Amino acid sequence: LVFVVLLLGPTANLIAGHRINELHGKERFDALNSVRQTLVAAAA
């Protein structure tokens, strides 16, 4: 559980970079979701 939280939370934000803060709403959610899917696939 701790690994998943760290992977989908701080790690996803760190890989997404500071540019994701410029996005809002659905665009921000889609961008984070894409990064999280990539991280989950890499972990698997």
All heavy atoms as atom14 arrays in JSON, in Angstrom:
{
  "sequence": "LVFVVLLLGPTANLIAGHRINELHGKERFDALNSVRQTLVAAAA",
  "atom14_mask": [
    [1, 1, 1, 1, 1, 1, 1, 1, 0, 0, 0, 0, 0, 0],
    [1, 1, 1, 1, 1, 1, 1, 0, 0, 0, 0, 0, 0, 0],
    [1, 1, 1, 1, 1, 1, 1, 1, 1, 1, 1, 0, 0, 0],
    [1, 1, 1, 1, 1, 1, 1, 0, 0, 0, 0, 0, 0, 0],
    [1, 1, 1, 1, 1, 1, 1, 0, 0, 0, 0, 0, 0, 0],
    [1, 1, 1, 1, 1, 1, 1, 1, 0, 0, 0, 0, 0, 0],
    [1, 1, 1, 1, 1, 1, 1, 1, 0, 0, 0, 0, 0, 0],
    [1, 1, 1, 1, 1, 1, 1, 1, 0, 0, 0, 0, 0, 0],
    [1, 1, 1, 1, 0, 0, 0, 0, 0, 0, 0, 0, 0, 0],
    [1, 1, 1, 1, 1, 1, 1, 0, 0, 0, 0, 0, 0, 0],
    [1, 1, 1, 1, 1, 1, 1, 0, 0, 0, 0, 0, 0, 0],
    [1, 1, 1, 1, 1, 0, 0, 0, 0, 0, 0, 0, 0, 0],
    [1, 1, 1, 1, 1, 1, 1, 1, 0, 0, 0, 0, 0, 0],
    [1, 1, 1, 1, 1, 1, 1, 1, 0, 0, 0, 0, 0, 0],
    [1, 1, 1, 1, 1, 1, 1, 1, 0, 0, 0, 0, 0, 0],
    [1, 1, 1, 1, 1, 0, 0, 0, 0, 0, 0, 0, 0, 0],
    [1, 1, 1, 1, 0, 0, 0, 0, 0, 0, 0, 0, 0, 0],
    [1, 1, 1, 1, 1, 1, 1, 1, 1, 1, 0, 0, 0, 0],
    [1, 1, 1, 1, 1, 1, 1, 1, 1, 1, 1, 0, 0, 0],
    [1, 1, 1, 1, 1, 1, 1, 1, 0, 0, 0, 0, 0, 0],
    [1, 1, 1, 1, 1, 1, 1, 1, 0, 0, 0, 0, 0, 0],
    [1, 1, 1, 1, 1, 1, 1, 1, 1, 0, 0, 0, 0, 0],
    [1, 1, 1, 1, 1, 1, 1, 1, 0, 0, 0, 0, 0, 0],
    [1, 1, 1, 1, 1, 1, 1, 1, 1, 1, 0, 0, 0, 0],
    [1, 1, 1, 1, 0, 0, 0, 0, 0, 0, 0, 0, 0, 0],
    [1, 1, 1, 1, 1, 1, 1, 1, 1, 0, 0, 0, 0, 0],
    [1, 1, 1, 1, 1, 1, 1, 1, 1, 0, 0, 0, 0, 0],
    [1, 1, 1, 1, 1, 1, 1, 1, 1, 1, 1, 0, 0, 0],
    [1, 1, 1, 1, 1, 1, 1, 1, 1, 1, 1, 0, 0, 0],
    [1, 1, 1, 1, 1, 1, 1, 1, 0, 0, 0, 0, 0, 0],
    [1, 1, 1, 1, 1, 0, 0, 0, 0, 0, 0, 0, 0, 0],
    [1, 1, 1, 1, 1, 1, 1, 1, 0, 0, 0, 0, 0, 0],
    [1, 1, 1, 1, 1, 1, 1, 1, 0, 0, 0, 0, 0, 0],
    [1, 1, 1, 1, 1, 1, 0, 0, 0, 0, 0, 0, 0, 0],
    [1, 1, 1, 1, 1, 1, 1, 0, 0, 0, 0, 0, 0, 0],
    [1, 1, 1, 1, 1, 1, 1, 1, 1, 1, 1, 0, 0, 0],
    [1, 1, 1, 1, 1, 1, 1, 1, 1, 0, 0, 0, 0, 0],
    [1, 1, 1, 1, 1, 1, 1, 0, 0, 0, 0, 0, 0, 0],
    [1, 1, 1, 1, 1, 1, 1, 1, 0, 0, 0, 0, 0, 0],
    [1, 1, 1, 1, 1, 1, 1, 0, 0, 0, 0, 0, 0, 0],
    [1, 1, 1, 1, 1, 0, 0, 0, 0, 0, 0, 0, 0, 0],
    [1, 1, 1, 1, 1, 0, 0, 0, 0, 0, 0, 0, 0, 0],
    [1, 1, 1, 1, 1, 0, 0, 0, 0, 0, 0, 0, 0, 0],
    [1, 1, 1, 1, 1, 0, 0, 0, 0, 0, 0, 0, 0, 0]
  ],
  "atom14_positions": [
    [[0.83, -1.21, 0.0], [0.0, 0.0, 0.0], [0.86, 1.26, 0.0], [0.6, 2.21, -0.76], [-0.93, -0.02, 1.22], [-1.84, 1.2, 1.39], [-2.8, 1.32, 0.19], [-2.63, 1.1, 2.69], [0.0, 0.0, 0.0], [0.0, 0.0, 0.0], [0.0, 0.0, 0.0], [0.0, 0.0, 0.0], [0.0, 0.0, 0.0], [0.0, 0.0, 0.0]],
    [[1.89, 1.26, 0.83], [2.8, 2.42, 0.87], [3.48, 2.61, -0.47], [3.63, 3.74, -0.96], [3.82, 2.24, 2.0], [4.89, 3.34, 1.94], [3.14, 2.27, 3.37], [0.0, 0.0, 0.0], [0.0, 0.0, 0.0], [0.0, 0.0, 0.0], [0.0, 0.0, 0.0], [0.0, 0.0, 0.0], [0.0, 0.0, 0.0], [0.0, 0.0, 0.0]],
    [[3.9, 1.51, -1.09], [4.56, 1.6, -2.39], [3.63, 2.18, -3.44], [4.03, 3.05, -4.23], [5.05, 0.21, -2.81], [5.59, 0.16, -4.2], [6.85, 0.66, -4.49], [4.84, -0.39, -5.24], [7.35, 0.62, -5.78], [5.34, -0.43, -6.52], [6.6, 0.07, -6.8], [0.0, 0.0, 0.0], [0.0, 0.0, 0.0], [0.0, 0.0, 0.0]],
    [[2.39, 1.71, -3.47], [1.43, 2.2, -4.46], [1.14, 3.68, -4.25], [1.07, 4.48, -5.2], [0.14, 1.37, -4.4], [-0.94, 2.0, -5.27], [0.42, -0.05, -4.86], [0.0, 0.0, 0.0], [0.0, 0.0, 0.0], [0.0, 0.0, 0.0], [0.0, 0.0, 0.0], [0.0, 0.0, 0.0], [0.0, 0.0, 0.0], [0.0, 0.0, 0.0]],
    [[0.98, 4.09, -2.97], [0.7, 5.5, -2.68], [1.86, 6.38, -3.12], [1.67, 7.44, -3.75], [0.41, 5.68, -1.18], [0.34, 7.15, -0.82], [-0.91, 4.99, -0.81], [0.0, 0.0, 0.0], [0.0, 0.0, 0.0], [0.0, 0.0, 0.0], [0.0, 0.0, 0.0], [0.0, 0.0, 0.0], [0.0, 0.0, 0.0], [0.0, 0.0, 0.0]],
    [[3.09, 5.94, -2.8], [4.26, 6.72, -3.21], [4.42, 6.74, -4.72], [4.84, 7.75, -5.3], [5.51, 6.15, -2.55], [5.62, 6.31, -1.03], [6.88, 5.61, -0.52], [5.62, 7.78, -0.63], [0.0, 0.0, 0.0], [0.0, 0.0, 0.0], [0.0, 0.0, 0.0], [0.0, 0.0, 0.0], [0.0, 0.0, 0.0], [0.0, 0.0, 0.0]],
    [[4.11, 5.61, -5.37], [4.27, 5.54, -6.82], [3.26, 6.43, -7.54], [3.63, 7.14, -8.49], [4.11, 4.08, -7.28], [4.31, 3.82, -8.77], [5.76, 4.06, -9.15], [3.89, 2.4, -9.13], [0.0, 0.0, 0.0], [0.0, 0.0, 0.0], [0.0, 0.0, 0.0], [0.0, 0.0, 0.0], [0.0, 0.0, 0.0], [0.0, 0.0, 0.0]],
    [[2.01, 6.41, -7.11], [0.96, 7.16, -7.8], [0.84, 8.59, -7.31], [0.15, 9.39, -7.94], [-0.39, 6.44, -7.62], [-0.44, 5.01, -8.15], [-1.83, 4.43, -7.94], [-0.06, 4.96, -9.62], [0.0, 0.0, 0.0], [0.0, 0.0, 0.0], [0.0, 0.0, 0.0], [0.0, 0.0, 0.0], [0.0, 0.0, 0.0], [0.0, 0.0, 0.0]],
    [[1.48, 8.89, -6.19], [1.4, 10.25, -5.66], [2.65, 11.06, -5.95], [2.82, 11.62, -7.04], [0.0, 0.0, 0.0], [0.0, 0.0, 0.0], [0.0, 0.0, 0.0], [0.0, 0.0, 0.0], [0.0, 0.0, 0.0], [0.0, 0.0, 0.0], [0.0, 0.0, 0.0], [0.0, 0.0, 0.0], [0.0, 0.0, 0.0], [0.0, 0.0, 0.0]],
    [[3.59, 11.14, -4.99], [4.79, 11.97, -5.18], [5.62, 11.58, -6.39], [6.14, 12.45, -7.09], [5.56, 11.75, -3.87], [4.53, 11.32, -2.88], [3.53, 10.54, -3.65], [0.0, 0.0, 0.0], [0.0, 0.0, 0.0], [0.0, 0.0, 0.0], [0.0, 0.0, 0.0], [0.0, 0.0, 0.0], [0.0, 0.0, 0.0], [0.0, 0.0, 0.0]],
    [[5.73, 10.27, -6.65], [6.57, 9.85, -7.78], [5.97, 10.3, -9.11], [6.69, 10.77, -10.0], [6.73, 8.32, -7.77], [7.25, 7.91, -6.5], [7.68, 7.87, -8.86], [0.0, 0.0, 0.0], [0.0, 0.0, 0.0], [0.0, 0.0, 0.0], [0.0, 0.0, 0.0], [0.0, 0.0, 0.0], [0.0, 0.0, 0.0], [0.0, 0.0, 0.0]],
    [[4.65, 10.16, -9.24], [4.0, 10.61, -10.48], [4.15, 12.11, -10.67], [4.41, 12.59, -11.78], [2.53, 10.21, -10.46], [0.0, 0.0, 0.0], [0.0, 0.0, 0.0], [0.0, 0.0, 0.0], [0.0, 0.0, 0.0], [0.0, 0.0, 0.0], [0.0, 0.0, 0.0], [0.0, 0.0, 0.0], [0.0, 0.0, 0.0], [0.0, 0.0, 0.0]],
    [[3.98, 12.88, -9.6], [4.13, 14.33, -9.7], [5.56, 14.71, -10.05], [5.81, 15.66, -10.81], [3.71, 14.99, -8.39], [2.21, 14.87, -8.15], [1.42, 14.89, -9.1], [1.81, 14.72, -6.9], [0.0, 0.0, 0.0], [0.0, 0.0, 0.0], [0.0, 0.0, 0.0], [0.0, 0.0, 0.0], [0.0, 0.0, 0.0], [0.0, 0.0, 0.0]],
    [[6.53, 13.97, -9.48], [7.93, 14.28, -9.75], [8.27, 14.01, -11.21], [8.98, 14.81, -11.86], [8.82, 13.46, -8.83], [10.33, 13.65, -8.99], [10.71, 15.08, -8.65], [11.09, 12.68, -8.11], [0.0, 0.0, 0.0], [0.0, 0.0, 0.0], [0.0, 0.0, 0.0], [0.0, 0.0, 0.0], [0.0, 0.0, 0.0], [0.0, 0.0, 0.0]],
    [[7.79, 12.89, -11.75], [8.08, 12.57, -13.15], [7.34, 13.5, -14.1], [7.86, 13.89, -15.15], [7.73, 11.1, -13.42], [8.66, 10.18, -12.62], [7.82, 10.77, -14.9], [8.36, 8.72, -12.77], [0.0, 0.0, 0.0], [0.0, 0.0, 0.0], [0.0, 0.0, 0.0], [0.0, 0.0, 0.0], [0.0, 0.0, 0.0], [0.0, 0.0, 0.0]],
    [[6.12, 13.88, -13.73], [5.35, 14.79, -14.6], [6.01, 16.15, -14.73], [5.88, 16.82, -15.77], [3.93, 14.93, -14.05], [0.0, 0.0, 0.0], [0.0, 0.0, 0.0], [0.0, 0.0, 0.0], [0.0, 0.0, 0.0], [0.0, 0.0, 0.0], [0.0, 0.0, 0.0], [0.0, 0.0, 0.0], [0.0, 0.0, 0.0], [0.0, 0.0, 0.0]],
    [[6.72, 16.59, -13.71], [7.43, 17.86, -13.78], [6.57, 19.05, -13.38], [5.38, 18.93, -13.06], [0.0, 0.0, 0.0], [0.0, 0.0, 0.0], [0.0, 0.0, 0.0], [0.0, 0.0, 0.0], [0.0, 0.0, 0.0], [0.0, 0.0, 0.0], [0.0, 0.0, 0.0], [0.0, 0.0, 0.0], [0.0, 0.0, 0.0], [0.0, 0.0, 0.0]],
    [[7.18, 20.21, -13.4], [6.49, 21.42, -12.94], [5.46, 21.93, -13.95], [4.58, 22.71, -13.61], [7.51, 22.52, -12.67], [8.26, 22.95, -13.91], [9.34, 22.24, -14.4], [8.06, 24.0, -14.75], [9.79, 22.85, -15.49], [9.04, 23.92, -15.72], [0.0, 0.0, 0.0], [0.0, 0.0, 0.0], [0.0, 0.0, 0.0], [0.0, 0.0, 0.0]],
    [[5.57, 21.47, -15.19], [4.64, 21.97, -16.21], [3.22, 21.5, -15.98], [2.27, 22.11, -16.46], [5.1, 21.54, -17.59], [6.4, 22.22, -18.04], [6.71, 21.87, -19.47], [7.91, 22.56, -19.93], [8.42, 22.46, -21.15], [7.8, 21.68, -22.04], [9.51, 23.12, -21.48], [0.0, 0.0, 0.0], [0.0, 0.0, 0.0], [0.0, 0.0, 0.0]],
    [[3.08, 20.39, -15.22], [1.72, 19.91, -14.99], [0.93, 20.85, -14.1], [-0.31, 20.84, -14.09], [1.77, 18.5, -14.37], [0.42, 17.8, -14.55], [2.14, 18.54, -12.89], [0.44, 16.35, -14.19], [0.0, 0.0, 0.0], [0.0, 0.0, 0.0], [0.0, 0.0, 0.0], [0.0, 0.0, 0.0], [0.0, 0.0, 0.0], [0.0, 0.0, 0.0]],
    [[1.65, 21.67, -13.33], [0.96, 22.64, -12.46], [0.26, 23.72, -13.27], [-0.63, 24.4, -12.75], [1.95, 23.27, -11.48], [2.53, 22.24, -10.52], [1.83, 21.3, -10.13], [3.8, 22.42, -10.15], [0.0, 0.0, 0.0], [0.0, 0.0, 0.0], [0.0, 0.0, 0.0], [0.0, 0.0, 0.0], [0.0, 0.0, 0.0], [0.0, 0.0, 0.0]],
    [[0.7, 23.88, -14.52], [0.07, 24.89, -15.38], [-1.26, 24.41, -15.94], [-2.03, 25.21, -16.49], [1.02, 25.25, -16.52], [2.36, 25.81, -16.02], [3.32, 26.05, -17.17], [2.93, 25.75, -18.32], [4.46, 26.52, -16.92], [0.0, 0.0, 0.0], [0.0, 0.0, 0.0], [0.0, 0.0, 0.0], [0.0, 0.0, 0.0], [0.0, 0.0, 0.0]],
    [[-1.5, 23.1, -15.85], [-2.76, 22.55, -16.36], [-3.83, 22.56, -15.27], [-3.52, 22.57, -14.07], [-2.53, 21.11, -16.84], [-1.47, 20.92, -17.94], [-1.3, 19.44, -18.27], [-1.84, 21.7, -19.2], [0.0, 0.0, 0.0], [0.0, 0.0, 0.0], [0.0, 0.0, 0.0], [0.0, 0.0, 0.0], [0.0, 0.0, 0.0], [0.0, 0.0, 0.0]],
    [[-5.06, 22.51, -15.71], [-6.17, 22.55, -14.76], [-7.27, 21.61, -15.23], [-7.39, 21.29, -16.42], [-6.73, 23.98, -14.64], [-5.71, 24.98, -14.19], [-5.32, 25.12, -12.87], [-4.99, 25.9, -14.9], [-4.41, 26.09, -12.78], [-4.19, 26.58, -14.02], [0.0, 0.0, 0.0], [0.0, 0.0, 0.0], [0.0, 0.0, 0.0], [0.0, 0.0, 0.0]],
    [[-8.05, 21.15, -14.27], [-9.23, 20.37, -14.6], [-8.91, 19.03, -15.23], [-8.01, 18.29, -14.8], [0.0, 0.0, 0.0], [0.0, 0.0, 0.0], [0.0, 0.0, 0.0], [0.0, 0.0, 0.0], [0.0, 0.0, 0.0], [0.0, 0.0, 0.0], [0.0, 0.0, 0.0], [0.0, 0.0, 0.0], [0.0, 0.0, 0.0], [0.0, 0.0, 0.0]],
    [[-9.67, 18.77, -16.3], [-9.54, 17.46, -16.95], [-8.16, 17.25, -17.57], [-7.64, 16.13, -17.58], [-10.63, 17.33, -18.01], [-10.72, 15.93, -18.63], [-11.88, 15.86, -19.6], [-12.03, 14.44, -20.16], [-10.81, 13.99, -20.82], [0.0, 0.0, 0.0], [0.0, 0.0, 0.0], [0.0, 0.0, 0.0], [0.0, 0.0, 0.0], [0.0, 0.0, 0.0]],
    [[-7.56, 18.31, -18.1], [-6.24, 18.18, -18.71], [-5.21, 17.73, -17.67], [-4.38, 16.86, -17.93], [-5.81, 19.51, -19.33], [-6.68, 19.92, -20.52], [-6.21, 21.23, -21.12], [-5.3, 21.86, -20.5], [-6.71, 21.61, -22.18], [0.0, 0.0, 0.0], [0.0, 0.0, 0.0], [0.0, 0.0, 0.0], [0.0, 0.0, 0.0], [0.0, 0.0, 0.0]],
    [[-5.26, 18.3, -16.48], [-4.32, 17.9, -15.42], [-4.55, 16.45, -15.01], [-3.6, 15.67, -14.82], [-4.5, 18.83, -14.21], [-3.6, 18.49, -13.02], [-3.9, 19.42, -11.86], [-3.13, 19.02, -10.69], [-1.9, 19.4, -10.43], [-1.28, 20.24, -11.27], [-1.27, 18.99, -9.35], [0.0, 0.0, 0.0], [0.0, 0.0, 0.0], [0.0, 0.0, 0.0]],
    [[-5.84, 16.07, -14.88], [-6.18, 14.7, -14.48], [-5.7, 13.7, -15.53], [-5.12, 12.65, -15.2], [-7.68, 14.58, -14.27], [-8.13, 13.18, -13.96], [-7.98, 12.65, -12.69], [-8.69, 12.39, -14.96], [-8.38, 11.36, -12.42], [-9.08, 11.1, -14.68], [-8.94, 10.58, -13.4], [0.0, 0.0, 0.0], [0.0, 0.0, 0.0], [0.0, 0.0, 0.0]],
    [[-5.91, 14.0, -16.83], [-5.49, 13.09, -17.9], [-3.97, 12.95, -17.94], [-3.44, 11.84, -18.17], [-6.01, 13.58, -19.24], [-7.54, 13.47, -19.34], [-8.12, 12.7, -18.54], [-8.13, 14.16, -20.19], [0.0, 0.0, 0.0], [0.0, 0.0, 0.0], [0.0, 0.0, 0.0], [0.0, 0.0, 0.0], [0.0, 0.0, 0.0], [0.0, 0.0, 0.0]],
    [[-3.29, 14.07, -17.73], [-1.82, 14.02, -17.76], [-1.28, 13.16, -16.62], [-0.4, 12.31, -16.82], [-1.24, 15.42, -17.7], [0.0, 0.0, 0.0], [0.0, 0.0, 0.0], [0.0, 0.0, 0.0], [0.0, 0.0, 0.0], [0.0, 0.0, 0.0], [0.0, 0.0, 0.0], [0.0, 0.0, 0.0], [0.0, 0.0, 0.0], [0.0, 0.0, 0.0]],
    [[-1.81, 13.37, -15.41], [-1.37, 12.56, -14.27], [-1.74, 11.1, -14.45], [-0.96, 10.19, -14.11], [-1.99, 13.1, -12.98], [-1.27, 14.29, -12.33], [-2.06, 14.77, -11.13], [0.14, 13.9, -11.91], [0.0, 0.0, 0.0], [0.0, 0.0, 0.0], [0.0, 0.0, 0.0], [0.0, 0.0, 0.0], [0.0, 0.0, 0.0], [0.0, 0.0, 0.0]],
    [[-2.92, 10.86, -15.0], [-3.35, 9.48, -15.21], [-2.45, 8.76, -16.21], [-2.12, 7.57, -16.05], [-4.79, 9.46, -15.7], [-5.39, 8.07, -15.68], [-5.07, 7.28, -14.82], [-6.25, 7.78, -16.64], [0.0, 0.0, 0.0], [0.0, 0.0, 0.0], [0.0, 0.0, 0.0], [0.0, 0.0, 0.0], [0.0, 0.0, 0.0], [0.0, 0.0, 0.0]],
    [[-2.0, 9.47, -17.25], [-1.09, 8.87, -18.22], [0.25, 8.52, -17.58], [0.8, 7.43, -17.81], [-0.88, 9.84, -19.39], [0.05, 9.32, -20.31], [0.0, 0.0, 0.0], [0.0, 0.0, 0.0], [0.0, 0.0, 0.0], [0.0, 0.0, 0.0], [0.0, 0.0, 0.0], [0.0, 0.0, 0.0], [0.0, 0.0, 0.0], [0.0, 0.0, 0.0]],
    [[0.79, 9.43, -16.75], [2.05, 9.16, -16.06], [1.89, 7.98, -15.11], [2.76, 7.1, -15.01], [2.53, 10.42, -15.3], [3.75, 10.1, -14.45], [2.86, 11.53, -16.29], [0.0, 0.0, 0.0], [0.0, 0.0, 0.0], [0.0, 0.0, 0.0], [0.0, 0.0, 0.0], [0.0, 0.0, 0.0], [0.0, 0.0, 0.0], [0.0, 0.0, 0.0]],
    [[0.78, 7.93, -14.4], [0.56, 6.83, -13.45], [0.45, 5.49, -14.16], [0.97, 4.47, -13.68], [-0.7, 7.11, -12.64], [-0.52, 8.24, -11.62], [-1.85, 8.69, -11.06], [-1.67, 9.76, -10.08], [-2.66, 10.52, -9.6], [-3.91, 10.31, -10.05], [-2.41, 11.45, -8.71], [0.0, 0.0, 0.0], [0.0, 0.0, 0.0], [0.0, 0.0, 0.0]],
    [[-0.23, 5.47, -15.31], [-0.32, 4.22, -16.06], [1.06, 3.73, -16.51], [1.36, 2.53, -16.46], [-1.23, 4.4, -17.27], [-2.71, 4.55, -16.92], [-3.57, 4.78, -18.14], [-3.06, 4.91, -19.24], [-4.89, 4.87, -17.94], [0.0, 0.0, 0.0], [0.0, 0.0, 0.0], [0.0, 0.0, 0.0], [0.0, 0.0, 0.0], [0.0, 0.0, 0.0]],
    [[1.88, 4.69, -16.94], [3.25, 4.32, -17.35], [4.03, 3.75, -16.18], [4.75, 2.75, -16.31], [3.96, 5.54, -17.93], [3.21, 6.06, -19.02], [5.36, 5.16, -18.41], [0.0, 0.0, 0.0], [0.0, 0.0, 0.0], [0.0, 0.0, 0.0], [0.0, 0.0, 0.0], [0.0, 0.0, 0.0], [0.0, 0.0, 0.0], [0.0, 0.0, 0.0]],
    [[3.91, 4.37, -15.0], [4.63, 3.89, -13.81], [4.14, 2.52, -13.38], [4.94, 1.65, -13.0], [4.46, 4.89, -12.67], [5.19, 6.22, -12.81], [4.84, 7.15, -11.66], [6.7, 6.0, -12.86], [0.0, 0.0, 0.0], [0.0, 0.0, 0.0], [0.0, 0.0, 0.0], [0.0, 0.0, 0.0], [0.0, 0.0, 0.0], [0.0, 0.0, 0.0]],
    [[2.83, 2.31, -13.44], [2.29, 1.0, -13.07], [2.79, -0.08, -14.02], [3.15, -1.19, -13.6], [0.74, 1.05, -13.04], [0.16, -0.35, -12.91], [0.26, 1.92, -11.89], [0.0, 0.0, 0.0], [0.0, 0.0, 0.0], [0.0, 0.0, 0.0], [0.0, 0.0, 0.0], [0.0, 0.0, 0.0], [0.0, 0.0, 0.0], [0.0, 0.0, 0.0]],
    [[2.81, 0.22, -15.32], [3.31, -0.75, -16.29], [4.79, -1.06, -16.06], [5.21, -2.22, -16.14], [3.1, -0.23, -17.71], [0.0, 0.0, 0.0], [0.0, 0.0, 0.0], [0.0, 0.0, 0.0], [0.0, 0.0, 0.0], [0.0, 0.0, 0.0], [0.0, 0.0, 0.0], [0.0, 0.0, 0.0], [0.0, 0.0, 0.0], [0.0, 0.0, 0.0]],
    [[5.58, -0.01, -15.75], [7.0, -0.23, -15.48], [7.19, -1.07, -14.23], [8.04, -1.97, -14.18], [7.72, 1.11, -15.35], [0.0, 0.0, 0.0], [0.0, 0.0, 0.0], [0.0, 0.0, 0.0], [0.0, 0.0, 0.0], [0.0, 0.0, 0.0], [0.0, 0.0, 0.0], [0.0, 0.0, 0.0], [0.0, 0.0, 0.0], [0.0, 0.0, 0.0]],
    [[6.42, -0.79, -13.17], [6.52, -1.56, -11.93], [6.13, -3.02, -12.16], [6.76, -3.95, -11.64], [5.65, -0.94, -10.85], [0.0, 0.0, 0.0], [0.0, 0.0, 0.0], [0.0, 0.0, 0.0], [0.0, 0.0, 0.0], [0.0, 0.0, 0.0], [0.0, 0.0, 0.0], [0.0, 0.0, 0.0], [0.0, 0.0, 0.0], [0.0, 0.0, 0.0]],
    [[5.08, -3.24, -12.96], [4.66, -4.61, -13.26], [5.74, -5.36, -14.05], [6.02, -6.54, -13.79], [3.36, -4.6, -14.04], [0.0, 0.0, 0.0], [0.0, 0.0, 0.0], [0.0, 0.0, 0.0], [0.0, 0.0, 0.0], [0.0, 0.0, 0.0], [0.0, 0.0, 0.0], [0.0, 0.0, 0.0], [0.0, 0.0, 0.0], [0.0, 0.0, 0.0]]
  ]
}
